[in-house]
Structures are given as C-alpha cells and as structure tokens.
Amino acid sequence: MIEALSATPLIDPTGSAARASASTGDVLAGLVDAALASPDDVLAATLEDRVAAAVFQQGWLADQWVAARPDALTADRLAFQLRTAV
C-alpha cells in the first residue's frame, strides 16, 4: 500500500515473498530516490504516482524472476533485472 497525506491510498498488485529477500528493499529505496529526484518538468506525474511506479516496478521484476527461475531472488539479481528491463 502506498499512502500520501492528501491522496487516495494505492494498492500495489504485484508482490511475492521474493520481495522480502535480503537487500531488495535497498533496490526499492534506490528506485524511489530516482523517482523523487526526477525533475517535475521531465515527468508529467505526481510524486505519489512516481513512487507508486517505482514500487510497482520492483514488485513486477520480482514476480518475473519467480515465474522464470527456481533460484532465490537477491538484491544483485533484482538490480540486474532492472538494468535489463529498462
């Protein structure tokens, strides 16, 4: 769930236990930081939408990993998925 003070809460439809593996939250923090650091004039999206997109991206990549591979998702594997998906 993604909440902001003056916005409707958003529920991320992605996710599995793979998102809870070691340091994958650090990858998410980097995605959120990048979304928040983007200039407003570059992306026509609210801050809340940018954060929601970062959360979705991390969850979607984790879901893709689980669907395609039997080995555990780690932060370095998630970061690699991010580089190859962009």
Protein backbone atom coordinates (compact mmCIF):
# COMPACT_ATOMS: atom_id res chain seq x y z
CA MET A 1 0.00 0.00 0.00
CA ILE A 2 1.24 3.46 -0.90
CA GLU A 3 -0.11 6.38 1.08
CA ALA A 4 0.35 10.13 0.95
CA LEU A 5 -1.24 12.69 3.24
CA SER A 6 -3.66 14.21 0.75
CA ALA A 7 -4.05 11.38 -1.75
CA THR A 8 -6.11 8.24 -2.11
CA PRO A 9 -4.13 5.19 -0.94
CA LEU A 10 -2.87 2.96 -3.73
CA ILE A 11 -2.53 -0.81 -3.55
CA ASP A 12 0.33 -2.40 -5.46
CA PRO A 13 -0.97 -5.52 -7.27
CA THR A 14 2.48 -7.09 -7.55
CA GLY A 15 4.47 -8.93 -4.99
CA SER A 16 5.51 -12.19 -3.55
CA ALA A 17 7.75 -13.45 -0.80
CA ALA A 18 10.67 -12.80 -3.17
CA ARG A 19 10.35 -9.08 -2.40
CA ALA A 20 11.26 -9.82 1.20
CA SER A 21 14.70 -11.23 0.49
CA ALA A 22 17.86 -9.58 1.76
CA SER A 23 18.55 -6.06 0.48
CA THR A 24 15.80 -5.98 -2.14
CA GLY A 25 14.38 -3.11 -0.09
CA ASP A 26 17.60 -1.23 -0.81
CA VAL A 27 16.90 -1.62 -4.52
CA LEU A 28 13.39 -0.29 -3.91
CA ALA A 29 14.82 2.67 -1.98
CA GLY A 30 17.05 3.47 -4.95
CA LEU A 31 14.09 3.32 -7.34
CA VAL A 32 12.06 5.62 -5.09
CA ASP A 33 15.00 8.02 -4.72
CA ALA A 34 15.40 8.17 -8.50
CA ALA A 35 11.67 8.78 -8.94
CA LEU A 36 11.69 11.60 -6.40
CA ALA A 37 14.84 13.16 -7.86
CA SER A 38 13.39 13.41 -11.36
CA PRO A 39 12.58 16.99 -12.33
CA ASP A 40 8.87 17.75 -12.39
CA ASP A 41 9.09 19.15 -15.91
CA VAL A 42 10.52 15.87 -17.25
CA LEU A 43 7.80 13.59 -15.95
CA ALA A 44 4.19 14.65 -16.09
CA ALA A 45 3.33 12.66 -12.98
CA THR A 46 2.73 13.48 -9.36
CA LEU A 47 5.24 12.47 -6.71
CA GLU A 48 2.78 9.85 -5.49
CA ASP A 49 2.47 8.39 -8.99
CA ARG A 50 6.26 8.26 -9.38
CA VAL A 51 6.65 6.44 -6.06
CA ALA A 52 3.84 4.06 -6.99
CA ALA A 53 5.56 3.33 -10.31
CA ALA A 54 8.84 2.56 -8.52
CA VAL A 55 7.08 0.19 -6.10
CA PHE A 56 5.27 -1.49 -8.99
CA GLN A 57 8.48 -1.85 -10.98
CA GLN A 58 10.29 -3.56 -8.10
CA GLY A 59 7.36 -5.90 -7.49
CA TRP A 60 6.87 -6.68 -11.17
CA LEU A 61 10.56 -7.52 -11.60
CA ALA A 62 10.42 -9.78 -8.53
CA ASP A 63 7.33 -11.51 -9.91
CA GLN A 64 9.06 -12.05 -13.27
CA TRP A 65 12.07 -13.59 -11.52
CA VAL A 66 9.94 -16.01 -9.52
CA ALA A 67 7.97 -17.06 -12.60
CA ALA A 68 11.10 -17.77 -14.66
CA ARG A 69 13.68 -19.09 -12.19
CA PRO A 70 13.79 -21.55 -9.34
CA ASP A 71 16.69 -19.86 -7.52
CA ALA A 72 16.18 -17.21 -4.85
CA LEU A 73 15.94 -13.55 -5.77
CA THR A 74 18.71 -11.44 -4.27
CA ALA A 75 19.35 -7.71 -4.44
CA ASP A 76 22.06 -8.08 -7.08
CA ARG A 77 19.80 -10.24 -9.22
CA LEU A 78 16.97 -7.73 -8.82
CA ALA A 79 19.29 -4.89 -9.84
CA PHE A 80 20.39 -6.91 -12.87
CA GLN A 81 16.74 -7.46 -13.80
CA LEU A 82 16.23 -3.72 -13.54
CA ARG A 83 19.14 -2.97 -15.87
CA THR A 84 17.99 -5.46 -18.49
CA ALA A 85 14.31 -4.42 -18.30
CA VAL A 86 14.90 -0.73 -18.95
